Protein backbone atom coordinates (compact mmCIF):
# COMPACT_ATOMS: atom_id res chain seq x y z
CA UNK A 1 -0.15 0.16 0.16
CA UNK A 2 1.39 3.16 -1.02
CA UNK A 3 1.14 6.21 1.13
CA UNK A 4 0.42 8.57 -1.08
CA UNK A 5 -2.72 6.87 -1.90
CA UNK A 6 -3.78 7.53 1.59
CA UNK A 7 -3.12 11.23 1.71
CA UNK A 8 -6.77 11.97 1.35
CA UNK A 9 -7.47 10.42 4.81
CA UNK A 10 -4.34 11.00 6.42
CA UNK A 11 -4.06 14.88 5.99
CA UNK A 12 -7.13 15.68 7.75
CA UNK A 13 -6.30 12.93 10.49
CA UNK A 14 -2.85 14.70 10.86
CA UNK A 15 -4.67 18.31 11.38
CA UNK A 16 -7.12 16.46 14.40
CA UNK A 17 -3.86 14.87 16.12
CA UNK A 18 -2.15 18.67 15.74
CA UNK A 19 -4.63 20.24 17.48
CA UNK A 20 -4.68 17.64 19.94
CA UNK A 21 -1.18 17.45 20.75
CA UNK A 22 -0.41 21.12 21.08
CA UNK A 23 -1.98 21.68 24.43
CA UNK A 24 -1.04 17.99 25.65
CA UNK A 25 2.75 18.90 24.65
CA UNK A 26 2.39 22.13 26.73
CA UNK A 27 0.66 20.37 29.73
CA UNK A 28 3.28 17.97 29.75
CA UNK A 29 5.79 20.25 29.93
CA UNK A 30 4.41 22.24 32.58
CA UNK A 31 3.47 19.23 34.51
CA UNK A 32 7.08 18.59 34.28
CA UNK A 33 8.77 21.31 35.31
CA UNK A 34 10.33 22.24 32.01
CA UNK A 35 10.19 25.07 29.86
CA UNK A 36 7.00 25.19 27.50
CA UNK A 37 8.80 25.18 24.35
CA UNK A 38 10.42 21.68 25.47
CA UNK A 39 7.36 20.12 25.27
CA UNK A 40 6.48 21.31 21.83
CA UNK A 41 10.13 20.46 20.24
CA UNK A 42 9.60 16.78 21.69
CA UNK A 43 6.28 16.79 19.66
CA UNK A 44 7.83 17.82 16.43
CA UNK A 45 10.82 15.32 16.82
CA UNK A 46 8.10 12.42 17.49
CA UNK A 47 6.12 13.78 14.51
CA UNK A 48 8.66 14.21 12.07
CA UNK A 49 11.88 12.24 13.01
CA UNK A 50 10.46 9.48 15.17
CA UNK A 51 7.43 9.40 12.21
CA UNK A 52 9.67 8.87 9.46
CA UNK A 53 12.06 5.96 11.14
CA UNK A 54 9.15 3.91 12.87
CA UNK A 55 7.19 1.05 11.38
CA UNK A 56 4.08 1.87 13.28
CA UNK A 57 1.29 2.69 10.86
CA UNK A 58 -0.76 4.44 13.41
CA UNK A 59 1.50 5.45 16.46
CA UNK A 60 2.10 8.97 17.11
CA UNK A 61 5.24 10.03 19.05
CA UNK A 62 5.90 13.18 21.43
CA UNK A 63 6.07 13.74 25.26
CA UNK A 64 4.17 11.24 27.36
CA UNK A 65 2.40 12.23 30.51
CA UNK A 66 3.81 8.74 32.17
CA UNK A 67 7.11 10.19 32.34
CA UNK A 68 6.42 13.87 34.01
CA UNK A 69 7.36 12.95 37.35
CA UNK A 70 10.24 11.03 36.76
CA UNK A 71 11.18 14.50 34.37
CA UNK A 72 10.08 16.71 37.47
CA UNK A 73 12.35 14.74 39.80
CA UNK A 74 15.30 14.30 37.18
CA UNK A 75 15.48 18.24 36.86
CA UNK A 76 15.56 18.69 40.48
CA UNK A 77 18.10 16.05 41.31
CA UNK A 78 20.96 17.25 38.39
CA UNK A 79 20.67 20.70 39.15
CA UNK A 80 19.82 21.95 35.79
CA UNK A 81 17.79 21.37 32.58
CA UNK A 82 20.89 21.07 30.22
CA UNK A 83 22.00 18.36 32.53
CA UNK A 84 18.94 16.62 32.31
CA UNK A 85 18.90 16.72 28.42
CA UNK A 86 22.27 15.15 28.62
CA UNK A 87 20.35 12.42 30.25
CA UNK A 88 17.86 12.30 27.81
CA UNK A 89 20.53 11.88 25.00
CA UNK A 90 21.98 9.03 26.47
CA UNK A 91 18.87 7.47 27.36
CA UNK A 92 17.99 7.57 23.65
CA UNK A 93 21.62 5.82 23.22
CA UNK A 94 20.26 3.31 25.24
CA UNK A 95 17.01 2.73 23.66
CA UNK A 96 18.43 2.51 20.02
CA UNK A 97 20.98 -0.39 21.06
CA UNK A 98 17.79 -2.22 22.57
CA UNK A 99 16.33 -1.95 19.54
CA UNK A 100 19.29 -3.28 17.73
CA UNK A 101 19.52 -6.07 20.35
CA UNK A 102 16.01 -7.35 19.77
CA UNK A 103 14.79 -5.93 23.27
CA UNK A 104 11.41 -5.18 21.19
CA UNK A 105 9.91 -8.47 22.07
CA UNK A 106 9.15 -7.44 25.64
CA UNK A 107 6.12 -5.97 24.05
CA UNK A 108 4.93 -9.29 23.71
CA UNK A 109 4.53 -10.21 27.34
CA UNK A 110 2.06 -7.85 28.29
CA UNK A 111 -1.44 -9.97 28.12
CA UNK A 112 -4.42 -8.38 26.08
CA UNK A 113 -6.49 -7.81 29.44
CA UNK A 114 -3.98 -5.28 30.53
CA UNK A 115 -3.54 -3.80 27.14
CA UNK A 116 -7.41 -3.33 26.98
CA UNK A 117 -7.39 -2.07 30.82
CA UNK A 118 -4.58 0.39 29.93
CA UNK A 119 -6.94 1.76 26.80
CA UNK A 120 -9.95 1.82 28.88
CA UNK A 121 -8.28 3.30 31.98
CA UNK A 122 -6.86 6.10 29.95
CA UNK A 123 -10.26 6.76 28.28
CA UNK A 124 -11.97 7.22 31.64
CA UNK A 125 -9.09 9.38 32.82
CA UNK A 126 -9.41 11.27 29.74
CA UNK A 127 -13.07 11.99 30.42
CA UNK A 128 -12.55 12.91 34.19
CA UNK A 129 -9.75 15.29 33.10
CA UNK A 130 -11.20 17.06 30.74
CA UNK A 131 -14.77 17.68 32.37
CA UNK A 132 -13.43 20.47 34.35
CA UNK A 133 -11.56 21.98 31.19
CA UNK A 134 -14.91 21.90 29.57
CA UNK A 135 -16.55 24.05 32.57
CA UNK A 136 -13.54 26.56 32.73
CA UNK A 137 -11.70 25.15 35.54
CA UNK A 138 -8.11 25.38 33.96
CA UNK A 139 -5.66 25.20 36.93
CA UNK A 140 -4.61 21.50 35.92
CA UNK A 141 -2.21 21.25 32.71
CA UNK A 142 -4.45 19.70 29.85
CA UNK A 143 -1.90 17.08 29.43
CA UNK A 144 -1.79 15.82 33.07
CA UNK A 145 -2.66 12.05 33.34
CA UNK A 146 -1.94 11.51 36.72
CA UNK A 147 -4.22 11.02 39.82
CA UNK A 148 -1.89 13.77 41.81
CA UNK A 149 -2.05 16.68 40.33
CA UNK A 150 0.49 19.66 39.83
CA UNK A 151 -2.09 22.14 41.40
CA UNK A 152 -2.26 20.57 44.46
CA UNK A 153 -5.89 18.72 43.76
CA UNK A 154 -6.71 15.22 42.15
CA UNK A 155 -8.72 13.94 39.63
CA UNK A 156 -11.73 13.73 42.11
CA UNK A 157 -11.42 16.82 43.99
CA UNK A 158 -11.02 18.49 40.55
CA UNK A 159 -14.43 17.37 39.69
CA UNK A 160 -15.95 18.84 43.10
CA UNK A 161 -13.83 22.24 42.72
CA UNK A 162 -14.92 22.98 39.40
CA UNK A 163 -18.48 23.65 40.46
CA UNK A 164 -17.03 26.74 42.21
CA UNK A 165 -15.01 28.03 39.45
CA UNK A 166 -16.70 27.58 35.87
CA UNK A 167 -16.71 30.10 32.89
CA UNK A 168 -20.25 30.37 31.02
CA UNK A 169 -17.89 31.23 27.85
CA UNK A 170 -16.20 27.62 28.05
CA UNK A 171 -19.33 25.78 29.02
CA UNK A 172 -21.17 27.38 25.73
CA UNK A 173 -18.09 26.40 23.61
CA UNK A 174 -17.80 22.72 25.08
CA UNK A 175 -21.30 22.03 24.92
CA UNK A 176 -21.54 23.53 21.04
CA UNK A 177 -18.50 21.59 20.17
CA UNK A 178 -19.73 18.43 21.65
CA UNK A 179 -22.87 19.10 19.59
CA UNK A 180 -20.83 19.42 16.41
CA UNK A 181 -18.68 16.11 16.98
CA UNK A 182 -21.65 14.10 17.46
CA UNK A 183 -23.63 15.60 14.61
CA UNK A 184 -20.61 15.15 12.45
CA UNK A 185 -19.82 11.63 13.17
CA UNK A 186 -23.50 10.24 13.18
CA UNK A 187 -24.98 12.05 10.67
CA UNK A 188 -22.76 14.20 8.28
CA UNK A 189 -20.06 11.78 7.85
CA UNK A 190 -22.18 9.64 5.73
CA UNK A 191 -23.41 12.67 3.64
CA UNK A 192 -20.69 13.11 1.44
CA UNK A 193 -16.76 13.02 0.87
CA UNK A 194 -16.48 16.88 1.89
CA UNK A 195 -17.72 15.71 5.52
CA UNK A 196 -15.19 12.95 5.43
CA UNK A 197 -12.51 15.38 4.51
CA UNK A 198 -13.18 17.85 6.64
CA UNK A 199 -13.14 16.48 10.22
CA UNK A 200 -15.48 17.63 12.91
CA UNK A 201 -12.47 18.45 15.54
CA UNK A 202 -11.25 20.53 12.75
CA UNK A 203 -14.63 22.34 12.77
CA UNK A 204 -14.79 22.37 16.35
CA UNK A 205 -11.23 24.31 16.81
CA UNK A 206 -12.62 26.84 13.90
CA UNK A 207 -15.77 27.48 15.68
CA UNK A 208 -13.96 28.11 19.51
CA UNK A 209 -11.53 30.36 17.39
CA UNK A 210 -14.52 32.27 15.99
CA UNK A 211 -16.53 32.24 19.09
CA UNK A 212 -13.97 33.80 21.14
CA UNK A 213 -13.08 36.82 18.18
CA UNK A 214 -16.87 37.27 17.99
CA UNK A 215 -17.78 37.62 21.72
CA UNK A 216 -14.64 39.89 22.74
CA UNK A 217 -16.21 42.36 20.44
CA UNK A 218 -19.84 41.70 20.92
CA UNK A 219 -20.40 40.10 24.24
CA UNK A 220 -17.25 40.45 26.38
CA UNK A 221 -18.88 38.61 28.93
CA UNK A 222 -18.78 35.11 26.74
CA UNK A 223 -15.17 35.72 25.99
CA UNK A 224 -12.73 33.72 27.95
CA UNK A 225 -9.94 35.06 29.64
CA UNK A 226 -6.39 34.60 28.39
CA UNK A 227 -5.81 31.56 31.07
CA UNK A 228 -8.07 29.49 29.21
CA UNK A 229 -6.93 29.82 25.88
CA UNK A 230 -3.81 27.48 24.57
CA UNK A 231 -0.65 29.31 25.59
CA UNK A 232 2.03 28.87 22.95
CA UNK A 233 5.54 30.58 23.76
CA UNK A 234 6.04 33.60 21.13
CA UNK A 235 9.51 34.78 20.04
CA UNK A 236 9.65 38.71 19.58
CA UNK A 237 11.03 38.15 16.01
CA UNK A 238 12.27 35.41 13.59
CA UNK A 239 15.88 36.19 15.12
CA UNK A 240 14.77 35.07 18.32
CA UNK A 241 13.79 31.67 17.59
CA UNK A 242 17.30 30.28 18.13
CA UNK A 243 17.02 31.37 21.84
CA UNK A 244 14.35 28.95 22.36
CA UNK A 245 16.49 25.98 22.18
CA UNK A 246 18.53 24.35 24.85
CA UNK A 247 21.32 22.21 24.70
CA UNK A 248 23.04 19.44 26.52
CA UNK A 249 25.66 19.74 29.28
CA UNK A 250 28.36 17.69 27.66
CA UNK A 251 30.83 18.23 30.95
CA UNK A 252 28.84 16.31 33.23
CA UNK A 253 28.54 12.94 30.75
CA UNK A 254 30.71 11.32 33.63
CA UNK A 255 28.47 12.01 36.34
CA UNK A 256 27.07 8.84 37.80
CA UNK A 257 23.62 10.46 38.53
CA UNK A 258 23.43 11.25 34.75
CA UNK A 259 23.94 7.52 33.70
CA UNK A 260 21.14 6.60 36.35
CA UNK A 261 18.58 9.03 35.11
CA UNK A 262 19.59 7.98 31.39
CA UNK A 263 18.92 4.39 32.22
CA UNK A 264 15.92 4.97 34.36
CA UNK A 265 14.36 7.07 31.24
CA UNK A 266 15.49 4.44 28.70
CA UNK A 267 13.66 1.43 30.64
CA UNK A 268 10.38 3.39 31.29
CA UNK A 269 9.99 5.05 27.85
CA UNK A 270 10.98 1.90 26.30
CA UNK A 271 8.29 0.09 28.28
CA UNK A 272 5.74 2.90 27.87
CA UNK A 273 6.27 2.68 23.97
CA UNK A 274 6.08 -0.92 23.76
CA UNK A 275 2.43 -0.87 25.67
CA UNK A 276 1.21 1.89 23.05
CA UNK A 277 2.27 -0.30 20.53
CA UNK A 278 0.28 -2.96 21.64
CA UNK A 279 -2.67 -0.68 22.14
CA UNK A 280 -2.38 0.88 18.84
CA UNK A 281 -2.24 -2.13 16.83
CA UNK A 282 -5.39 -3.45 18.50
CA UNK A 283 -7.23 -0.57 17.72
CA UNK A 284 -6.19 -0.27 13.95
CA UNK A 285 -8.64 -1.65 11.70
CA UNK A 286 -6.60 -3.10 9.55
CA UNK A 287 -4.59 -5.26 11.98
CA UNK A 288 -0.96 -4.25 11.02
CA UNK A 289 1.54 -5.57 13.41
CA UNK A 290 4.19 -2.77 14.48
CA UNK A 291 7.96 -4.15 14.22
CA UNK A 292 8.82 -3.35 17.90
CA UNK A 293 13.05 -3.39 17.50
CA UNK A 294 12.72 -0.88 14.55
CA UNK A 295 10.06 0.88 17.18
CA UNK A 296 13.11 0.94 19.83
CA UNK A 297 15.43 2.48 17.60
CA UNK A 298 13.19 4.94 16.40
CA UNK A 299 12.25 6.20 19.50
CA UNK A 300 15.91 6.35 20.53
CA UNK A 301 17.03 8.34 17.59
CA UNK A 302 14.21 10.41 18.28
CA UNK A 303 15.22 10.96 21.90
CA UNK A 304 18.90 11.85 20.95
CA UNK A 305 17.53 14.14 18.47
CA UNK A 306 14.74 15.85 21.34
CA UNK A 307 17.73 15.89 23.95
CA UNK A 308 20.19 17.70 21.54
CA UNK A 309 18.17 20.61 20.95
CA UNK A 310 16.19 20.84 24.26
CA UNK A 311 13.21 18.84 23.96
CA UNK A 312 11.59 16.48 26.41
CA UNK A 313 11.93 12.70 26.20
CA UNK A 314 9.42 11.07 23.69
CA UNK A 315 7.52 7.85 23.72
CA UNK A 316 4.54 6.43 21.03
CA UNK A 317 1.54 8.14 23.07
CA UNK A 318 -2.00 6.54 23.21
CA UNK A 319 -3.86 9.78 23.19
CA UNK A 320 -2.76 10.77 20.27
CA UNK A 321 -2.43 7.73 18.50
CA UNK A 322 -6.14 6.99 19.32
CA UNK A 323 -7.06 10.28 17.82
CA UNK A 324 -5.07 9.59 14.82
CA UNK A 325 -7.21 6.09 14.57
CA UNK A 326 -10.53 7.77 15.17
CA UNK A 327 -9.99 10.69 12.60
CA UNK A 328 -9.30 8.00 9.72
CA UNK A 329 -5.64 8.13 9.88
CA UNK A 330 -4.38 5.04 7.53
CA UNK A 331 -0.45 5.35 7.30
CA UNK A 332 2.25 7.12 9.10
CA UNK A 333 2.22 10.02 6.81
CA UNK A 334 -0.38 11.45 9.16
CA UNK A 335 2.05 11.50 12.28
CA UNK A 336 4.61 13.03 10.24
CA UNK A 337 2.11 15.52 8.55
CA UNK A 338 1.42 16.29 12.43
CA UNK A 339 4.81 17.15 13.35
CA UNK A 340 4.89 19.66 10.35
CA UNK A 341 2.08 21.61 11.27
CA UNK A 342 3.51 21.93 14.61
CA UNK A 343 6.75 23.10 13.66
CA UNK A 344 5.05 25.82 11.15
CA UNK A 345 2.59 27.05 13.72
CA UNK A 346 4.85 26.88 16.61
CA UNK A 347 7.59 28.58 15.03
CA UNK A 348 5.86 31.05 12.30
CA UNK A 349 2.21 31.08 13.61
CA UNK A 350 1.99 30.72 17.45
CA UNK A 351 -0.50 33.75 17.88
CA UNK A 352 -2.97 31.72 15.88
CA UNK A 353 -2.74 28.84 18.19
CA UNK A 354 -3.32 30.93 20.91
CA UNK A 355 -6.98 31.87 20.00
CA UNK A 356 -7.76 28.29 20.54
CA UNK A 357 -10.28 28.02 23.78
CA UNK A 358 -9.18 24.99 25.79
CA UNK A 359 -12.69 24.11 26.06
CA UNK A 360 -13.06 23.15 22.56
CA UNK A 361 -10.10 20.81 22.71
CA UNK A 362 -11.53 19.33 26.00
CA UNK A 363 -14.66 18.57 23.73
CA UNK A 364 -12.55 16.86 21.42
CA UNK A 365 -10.57 14.79 24.17
CA UNK A 366 -14.06 13.74 25.69
CA UNK A 367 -15.09 12.22 22.44
CA UNK A 368 -11.61 10.32 22.55
CA UNK A 369 -12.10 9.26 26.19
CA UNK A 370 -15.78 7.89 25.81
CA UNK A 371 -14.50 5.80 22.46
CA UNK A 372 -11.58 4.20 24.42
CA UNK A 373 -13.44 3.52 27.12
CA UNK A 374 -17.05 2.21 25.97
CA UNK A 375 -19.20 0.15 28.30
CA UNK A 376 -18.80 -2.44 25.48
CA UNK A 377 -15.70 -3.20 26.32
CA UNK A 378 -16.49 -3.61 29.85
CA UNK A 379 -19.08 -6.17 29.26
CA UNK A 380 -17.04 -8.02 26.80
CA UNK A 381 -14.39 -8.35 29.35
CA UNK A 382 -16.81 -9.43 32.26
CA UNK A 383 -18.46 -12.05 29.58
CA UNK A 384 -14.72 -13.58 29.15
CA UNK A 385 -14.90 -14.57 33.18
CA UNK A 386 -12.57 -13.49 36.02
CA UNK A 387 -9.48 -14.53 34.20
CA UNK A 388 -9.84 -11.69 32.06
CA UNK A 389 -11.58 -8.92 33.63
CA UNK A 390 -9.84 -9.00 37.21
CA UNK A 391 -6.48 -8.02 35.39
CA UNK A 392 -8.71 -5.59 33.29
CA UNK A 393 -10.41 -3.77 36.27
CA UNK A 394 -7.45 -3.30 38.50
CA UNK A 395 -5.55 -2.08 35.53
CA UNK A 396 -8.19 0.49 34.74
CA UNK A 397 -8.53 1.41 38.64
CA UNK A 398 -4.67 1.79 38.84
CA UNK A 399 -4.59 4.09 35.94
CA UNK A 400 -7.29 6.15 37.18
CA UNK A 401 -6.21 6.57 41.02
CA UNK A 402 -2.60 6.59 40.41
CA UNK A 403 -0.88 6.92 36.95
CA UNK A 404 -0.14 4.86 33.80
CA UNK A 405 2.78 3.13 34.86
CA UNK A 406 1.56 1.99 38.29
CA UNK A 407 -1.73 0.97 36.73
CA UNK A 408 0.08 -1.08 34.19
CA UNK A 409 2.21 -2.76 36.87
CA UNK A 410 -0.88 -3.59 39.35
CA UNK A 411 -2.55 -5.13 36.28
CA UNK A 412 0.49 -6.78 35.49
CA UNK A 413 0.67 -8.09 39.14
CA UNK A 414 -2.69 -9.45 39.10
CA UNK A 415 -2.47 -10.97 35.61
CA UNK A 416 0.95 -12.85 37.07
CA UNK A 417 -0.92 -14.32 40.03
CA UNK A 418 -3.92 -15.50 37.87
CA UNK A 419 -1.06 -17.30 35.69
CA UNK A 420 0.30 -18.93 38.61
CA UNK A 421 -2.78 -20.19 39.82
CA UNK A 422 -3.61 -21.45 36.56
CA UNK A 423 -0.33 -23.43 36.56
CA UNK A 424 -1.05 -24.62 40.53
CA UNK A 425 -4.03 -25.81 38.96
CA UNK A 426 -3.19 -27.17 35.63
CA UNK A 427 -0.26 -29.21 36.19
CA UNK A 428 -1.69 -32.87 36.39
CA UNK A 429 -5.28 -34.39 35.75
CA UNK A 430 -6.33 -36.41 38.39
CA UNK A 431 -8.77 -39.89 37.96
CA UNK A 432 -10.25 -41.84 40.70
CA UNK A 433 -11.22 -45.28 39.97
CA UNK A 434 -12.69 -47.98 41.84
CA UNK A 435 -12.10 -51.43 39.68
CA UNK A 436 -12.69 -55.25 40.65
CA UNK A 437 -9.63 -56.13 37.85
CA UNK A 438 -7.33 -54.44 40.59
CA UNK A 439 -8.61 -56.75 43.14
CA UNK A 440 -11.26 -54.39 44.87
CA UNK A 441 -8.31 -51.49 45.33
CA UNK A 442 -8.50 -48.10 44.53
CA UNK A 443 -6.86 -47.17 41.48
CA UNK A 444 -5.60 -43.36 41.43
CA UNK A 445 -4.48 -42.20 37.91
CA UNK A 446 -2.31 -38.67 37.85
CA UNK A 447 -1.25 -37.77 34.08
CA UNK A 448 1.30 -35.02 34.25
CA UNK A 449 1.47 -32.50 31.91
CA UNK A 450 3.84 -31.30 29.76
CA UNK A 451 5.77 -28.67 31.78
CA UNK A 452 5.30 -29.55 35.33
CA UNK A 453 7.96 -26.98 37.27
CA UNK A 454 8.18 -25.81 41.06
CA UNK A 455 5.25 -23.94 40.82
CA UNK A 456 3.07 -27.16 40.63
CA UNK A 457 4.59 -28.56 43.73
CA UNK A 458 1.76 -27.32 46.09
CA UNK A 459 -1.25 -28.92 43.82
CA UNK A 460 0.83 -32.02 43.40
CA UNK A 461 1.59 -32.40 46.92
CA UNK A 462 -2.47 -31.64 47.78
CA UNK A 463 -3.41 -34.54 45.43
CA UNK A 464 -0.58 -37.05 46.36
CA UNK A 465 -1.60 -36.54 50.10
CA UNK A 466 -5.12 -37.65 48.98
CA UNK A 467 -4.06 -41.06 47.83
CA UNK A 468 -5.86 -43.79 50.12
CA UNK A 469 -4.04 -46.46 52.01
CA UNK A 470 -3.67 -49.52 50.23
CA UNK A 471 -4.42 -47.80 46.65
CA UNK A 472 -2.59 -48.34 43.31
CA UNK A 473 -1.31 -44.78 42.22
CA UNK A 474 -0.94 -44.39 38.35
CA UNK A 475 1.86 -42.16 37.21
CA UNK A 476 1.46 -41.46 33.65
CA UNK A 477 4.13 -39.32 32.82
CA UNK A 478 4.30 -39.86 28.76
CA UNK A 479 3.41 -36.41 28.15
CA UNK A 480 5.78 -34.67 30.12
CA UNK A 481 8.48 -32.70 28.06
CA UNK A 482 10.17 -30.85 31.17
CA UNK A 483 9.91 -31.88 34.73
CA UNK A 484 11.80 -29.75 37.39
CA UNK A 485 14.13 -31.28 40.02
CA UNK A 486 11.63 -30.14 42.52
CA UNK A 487 8.61 -31.67 41.44
CA UNK A 488 10.79 -35.35 40.73
CA UNK A 489 11.80 -34.99 44.36
CA UNK A 490 8.25 -34.57 45.50
CA UNK A 491 7.33 -38.01 43.91
CA UNK A 492 10.71 -39.60 45.22
CA UNK A 493 9.73 -38.38 48.42
CA UNK A 494 6.10 -40.09 48.20
CA UNK A 495 7.44 -43.30 47.03
CA UNK A 496 9.79 -43.40 49.91
CA UNK A 497 6.66 -43.26 52.36
CA UNK A 498 3.96 -45.24 50.12
CA UNK A 499 5.22 -48.49 51.10
CA UNK A 500 4.16 -47.92 54.76
CA UNK A 501 0.78 -47.06 53.44
CA UNK A 502 0.62 -50.27 51.30
CA UNK A 503 0.43 -47.92 48.39
CA UNK A 504 2.13 -49.05 45.09
CA UNK A 505 3.42 -46.84 42.34
CA UNK A 506 2.94 -47.63 38.63
CA UNK A 507 5.39 -44.99 36.45
CA UNK A 508 3.81 -45.04 32.98
CA UNK A 509 6.69 -43.27 30.84
CA UNK A 510 9.78 -41.39 32.29
CA UNK A 511 9.93 -38.96 34.94
CA UNK A 512 13.52 -37.18 34.73
CA UNK A 513 14.81 -33.55 35.44
CA UNK A 514 14.87 -31.36 32.33
CA UNK A 515 14.15 -33.04 28.90
CA UNK A 516 12.37 -36.37 29.29
CA UNK A 517 13.94 -39.51 27.82
CA UNK A 518 12.49 -41.95 25.19
CA UNK A 519 9.25 -43.54 26.56
CA UNK A 520 9.52 -46.94 28.57
CA UNK A 521 6.55 -49.16 29.36
CA UNK A 522 4.50 -49.32 32.32
CA UNK A 523 6.36 -50.18 35.42
CA UNK A 524 5.28 -51.38 39.42
CA UNK A 525 7.61 -50.04 41.89
CA UNK A 526 7.89 -51.02 45.08
CA UNK A 527 10.86 -49.76 46.72
CA UNK A 528 12.76 -48.10 43.68
CA UNK A 529 12.82 -43.78 43.60
CA UNK A 530 10.50 -42.69 40.95
CA UNK A 531 13.57 -41.29 39.19
């Protein structure tokens, strides 16, 4: 599929992503304690450079809210923003090496229930975070996605505070914007090519700007004040653009603290990227698969470039990626074009961006959040049973009440517990038979699975303890591919005590530590160890 053939879909999607990305970049920079321009630089690099190298057809990269706390702490610990930029460059080099070494395979170890929980959790969080902005309560940066907010509030307390701090103009803008978005998607998008080419979010942004301009002159009481508008740094002249950039302090390259920060950034940014890659691929209507090693390489190159000119670290970001998908993006050209648009407007036309009301962008993000966390997803996960919905629900709750990475860690912890429980239960099959052919004795048959490890010790020990006195135990090990020493020891110990309970043990096949030996016929044991 040629990229040029999808320009009609990618260009409108890139415009939507551009409008979503600008306030997110600014908000994340503010939450990170970094210069605002650092977030915009990272967004431009993530779009143009990472988008060009990446093999992800729909992923969009830029500064990530999940790294905000790490960035804030690192800047304070290292003593200067320039020292932090050096750590970003080194983190990028580490990421690139990880990609070349094949570390992208780590992305495949995250279960589907956790990935879906991440998408739904972020969706709910976006909705909760944008409701105050839709009402004109803008004390929290629009890009913040953590429970504990930089303004001293939490996600929940902010919802209660907004009733005492709302703006009529913002409410009108948000309400009309939501109406436009719903009408556009439900009705107008099916009425002709024009309505598919011009996306609803673009109309919403245009409406927000026009409303603000008209209200300022006609009904000043409805116009929103500057703190409720996008705020992009505006250079005094074209010659001052160079002053917006910052550069790494290379004199500190031997500092242990710099390298610790670099390794931390590389690991966390890589994990967040791999998670977002998995999530984005699940949302892709064409179900394409992103090459994860190439993605790590692209992110590494992007971070080296971003840190070199004063930008924040970048990762693939699910909010922008999902906005890209929902807006009809088809190839990575949409990600690249959004970076180009950001560079043009930030460097040449920042005053235009500063006319956009945050309430209009909040309406766009409310729709994005709802689509990520539709009730149908919850119904689907609960229908699949506790093995799927428990990690899913814990991931969602963790993301909403802590932050992205903590929520993922909690979900993974539950998924691992479920896995261990299944491993505990599925090490063997147990059959109890009463048969006259065996002299009226109870015959207990235990059929072992292919893999029997130390994780199965408890379950096997429990079943062996249930074997009644005077029984015949048939241990079927024909299917065993690998058995741990711990498991073999359990059966050896059982055999040692079996004679005292008048239990005979019949081994079918071989049970030896490691790879199994060629099958052997059943053998009756009375005193020899199982292995």
